[in-house]
Amino acid sequence: GGTIVASAAGAAAACAPGGPLALLCSLAAGAAAWLIVDKALITIDERLFREKMRAEILEAVNEQRRALEAGLLQAHAGAIDHAAASVGESLQRVFMPLRDAL
């Protein structure tokens, strides 16, 4: 917000002698100044907070990994239970002399 206004004001002052193209000149110079200031602030922010942000991102990734692992283990256990139940049902339909002849 404020950096854009300051950049535009500085650009307008730099392009004032430009005549009819002064508006375009000031817009271009303001945009360039805004990008330069923004890049500088991002670089400063990254240098100050990079390790903290990296730790937060890695913790979020590890949390997601743990949740995915738990979900996969639960799904695997469910698939094993389903397969065991299917085998049990199919065995119930098969004639077994020891069980069914008595």
C-alpha atoms as a PDB file:
ATOM      1  CA  GLY A   1       0.000   0.000   0.000  1.00  0.00           C
ATOM      2  CA  GLY A   2       2.250   2.784   1.264  1.00  0.00           C
ATOM      3  CA  THR A   3       5.274   1.696  -0.733  1.00  0.00           C
ATOM      4  CA  ILE A   4       3.218   1.822  -3.930  1.00  0.00           C
ATOM      5  CA  VAL A   5       2.137   5.414  -3.260  1.00  0.00           C
ATOM      6  CA  ALA A   6       5.681   6.448  -2.360  1.00  0.00           C
ATOM      7  CA  SER A   7       7.061   4.718  -5.435  1.00  0.00           C
ATOM      8  CA  ALA A   8       4.491   6.348  -7.696  1.00  0.00           C
ATOM      9  CA  ALA A   9       5.164   9.795  -6.201  1.00  0.00           C
ATOM     10  CA  GLY A  10       8.915   9.403  -6.676  1.00  0.00           C
ATOM     11  CA  ALA A  11       8.388   8.166 -10.218  1.00  0.00           C
ATOM     12  CA  ALA A  12       6.091  11.094 -11.048  1.00  0.00           C
ATOM     13  CA  ALA A  13       8.738  13.510  -9.810  1.00  0.00           C
ATOM     14  CA  ALA A  14      11.404  11.778 -11.916  1.00  0.00           C
ATOM     15  CA  CYS A  15       9.231  11.874 -15.053  1.00  0.00           C
ATOM     16  CA  ALA A  16       7.775  15.382 -14.612  1.00  0.00           C
ATOM     17  CA  PRO A  17       9.729  16.952 -17.480  1.00  0.00           C
ATOM     18  CA  GLY A  18       8.472  14.200 -19.828  1.00  0.00           C
ATOM     19  CA  GLY A  19       5.581  16.201 -21.281  1.00  0.00           C
ATOM     20  CA  PRO A  20       2.636  14.184 -22.638  1.00  0.00           C
ATOM     21  CA  LEU A  21       4.365  10.881 -21.831  1.00  0.00           C
ATOM     22  CA  ALA A  22       4.918  11.864 -18.218  1.00  0.00           C
ATOM     23  CA  LEU A  23       1.961   9.728 -17.058  1.00  0.00           C
ATOM     24  CA  LEU A  24       3.253   6.613 -18.815  1.00  0.00           C
ATOM     25  CA  CYS A  25       6.764   7.311 -17.616  1.00  0.00           C
ATOM     26  CA  SER A  26       5.617   7.731 -14.029  1.00  0.00           C
ATOM     27  CA  LEU A  27       3.534   4.521 -14.197  1.00  0.00           C
ATOM     28  CA  ALA A  28       6.488   2.543 -15.538  1.00  0.00           C
ATOM     29  CA  ALA A  29       8.931   4.059 -13.064  1.00  0.00           C
ATOM     30  CA  GLY A  30       6.478   3.529 -10.199  1.00  0.00           C
ATOM     31  CA  ALA A  31       5.977  -0.110 -11.145  1.00  0.00           C
ATOM     32  CA  ALA A  32       9.742  -0.618 -11.391  1.00  0.00           C
ATOM     33  CA  ALA A  33      10.323   1.050  -8.035  1.00  0.00           C
ATOM     34  CA  TRP A  34       7.551  -1.012  -6.454  1.00  0.00           C
ATOM     35  CA  LEU A  35       9.049  -4.255  -7.797  1.00  0.00           C
ATOM     36  CA  ILE A  36      12.512  -3.308  -6.551  1.00  0.00           C
ATOM     37  CA  VAL A  37      11.219  -2.435  -3.062  1.00  0.00           C
ATOM     38  CA  ASP A  38       9.090  -5.600  -2.975  1.00  0.00           C
ATOM     39  CA  LYS A  39      12.048  -7.774  -3.993  1.00  0.00           C
ATOM     40  CA  ALA A  40      14.226  -6.171  -1.313  1.00  0.00           C
ATOM     41  CA  LEU A  41      11.587  -6.729   1.388  1.00  0.00           C
ATOM     42  CA  ILE A  42      11.100 -10.354   0.328  1.00  0.00           C
ATOM     43  CA  THR A  43      14.853 -10.934   0.429  1.00  0.00           C
ATOM     44  CA  ILE A  44      15.101  -9.411   3.907  1.00  0.00           C
ATOM     45  CA  ASP A  45      12.099 -11.428   5.105  1.00  0.00           C
ATOM     46  CA  GLU A  46      13.592 -14.630   3.731  1.00  0.00           C
ATOM     47  CA  ARG A  47      16.944 -14.034   5.408  1.00  0.00           C
ATOM     48  CA  LEU A  48      15.290 -13.294   8.746  1.00  0.00           C
ATOM     49  CA  PHE A  49      12.721 -16.078   8.820  1.00  0.00           C
ATOM     50  CA  ARG A  50      13.943 -18.799   6.434  1.00  0.00           C
ATOM     51  CA  GLU A  51      14.912 -21.379   9.058  1.00  0.00           C
ATOM     52  CA  LYS A  52      11.714 -20.883  11.042  1.00  0.00           C
ATOM     53  CA  MET A  53       9.585 -21.205   7.898  1.00  0.00           C
ATOM     54  CA  ARG A  54      11.563 -24.277   6.814  1.00  0.00           C
ATOM     55  CA  ALA A  55      11.020 -25.927  10.193  1.00  0.00           C
ATOM     56  CA  GLU A  56       7.276 -25.180  10.030  1.00  0.00           C
ATOM     57  CA  ILE A  57       7.009 -26.600   6.516  1.00  0.00           C
ATOM     58  CA  LEU A  58       8.964 -29.739   7.440  1.00  0.00           C
ATOM     59  CA  GLU A  59       6.775 -30.255  10.513  1.00  0.00           C
ATOM     60  CA  ALA A  60       3.638 -29.940   8.377  1.00  0.00           C
ATOM     61  CA  VAL A  61       5.055 -32.449   5.877  1.00  0.00           C
ATOM     62  CA  ASN A  62       5.938 -34.883   8.662  1.00  0.00           C
ATOM     63  CA  GLU A  63       2.476 -34.481  10.182  1.00  0.00           C
ATOM     64  CA  GLN A  64       0.891 -35.265   6.816  1.00  0.00           C
ATOM     65  CA  ARG A  65       3.226 -38.242   6.415  1.00  0.00           C
ATOM     66  CA  ARG A  66       2.173 -39.621   9.816  1.00  0.00           C
ATOM     67  CA  ALA A  67      -1.508 -39.146   8.968  1.00  0.00           C
ATOM     68  CA  LEU A  68      -1.030 -40.840   5.580  1.00  0.00           C
ATOM     69  CA  GLU A  69       0.822 -43.742   7.180  1.00  0.00           C
ATOM     70  CA  ALA A  70      -1.952 -44.238   9.755  1.00  0.00           C
ATOM     71  CA  GLY A  71      -4.600 -44.106   7.027  1.00  0.00           C
ATOM     72  CA  LEU A  72      -2.736 -46.616   4.873  1.00  0.00           C
ATOM     73  CA  LEU A  73      -2.253 -48.988   7.809  1.00  0.00           C
ATOM     74  CA  GLN A  74      -5.943 -48.769   8.626  1.00  0.00           C
ATOM     75  CA  ALA A  75      -6.930 -49.377   4.993  1.00  0.00           C
ATOM     76  CA  HIS A  76      -4.502 -52.318   4.805  1.00  0.00           C
ATOM     77  CA  ALA A  77      -5.920 -53.855   7.970  1.00  0.00           C
ATOM     78  CA  GLY A  78      -9.439 -53.415   6.583  1.00  0.00           C
ATOM     79  CA  ALA A  79      -8.440 -55.106   3.317  1.00  0.00           C
ATOM     80  CA  ILE A  80      -6.916 -58.037   5.230  1.00  0.00           C
ATOM     81  CA  ASP A  81     -10.074 -58.376   7.361  1.00  0.00           C
ATOM     82  CA  HIS A  82     -12.235 -58.302   4.239  1.00  0.00           C
ATOM     83  CA  ALA A  83     -10.082 -60.942   2.510  1.00  0.00           C
ATOM     84  CA  ALA A  84     -10.167 -63.168   5.602  1.00  0.00           C
ATOM     85  CA  ALA A  85     -13.945 -62.833   5.813  1.00  0.00           C
ATOM     86  CA  SER A  86     -14.277 -63.713   2.117  1.00  0.00           C
ATOM     87  CA  VAL A  87     -12.109 -66.804   2.565  1.00  0.00           C
ATOM     88  CA  GLY A  88     -14.154 -67.816   5.605  1.00  0.00           C
ATOM     89  CA  GLU A  89     -17.431 -67.402   3.700  1.00  0.00           C
ATOM     90  CA  SER A  90     -16.156 -69.422   0.735  1.00  0.00           C
ATOM     91  CA  LEU A  91     -14.995 -72.194   3.074  1.00  0.00           C
ATOM     92  CA  GLN A  92     -18.461 -72.311   4.629  1.00  0.00           C
ATOM     93  CA  ARG A  93     -19.927 -73.080   1.188  1.00  0.00           C
ATOM     94  CA  VAL A  94     -17.455 -75.895   0.427  1.00  0.00           C
ATOM     95  CA  PHE A  95     -18.328 -79.441   1.475  1.00  0.00           C
ATOM     96  CA  MET A  96     -15.869 -80.611   4.098  1.00  0.00           C
ATOM     97  CA  PRO A  97     -16.358 -84.289   4.964  1.00  0.00           C
ATOM     98  CA  LEU A  98     -14.918 -83.985   8.436  1.00  0.00           C
ATOM     99  CA  ARG A  99     -17.258 -81.141   9.305  1.00  0.00           C
ATOM    100  CA  ASP A 100     -20.345 -81.812   7.167  1.00  0.00           C
ATOM    101  CA  ALA A 101     -20.536 -85.643   7.185  1.00  0.00           C
ATOM    102  CA  LEU A 102     -20.901 -85.949  10.937  1.00  0.00           C
END
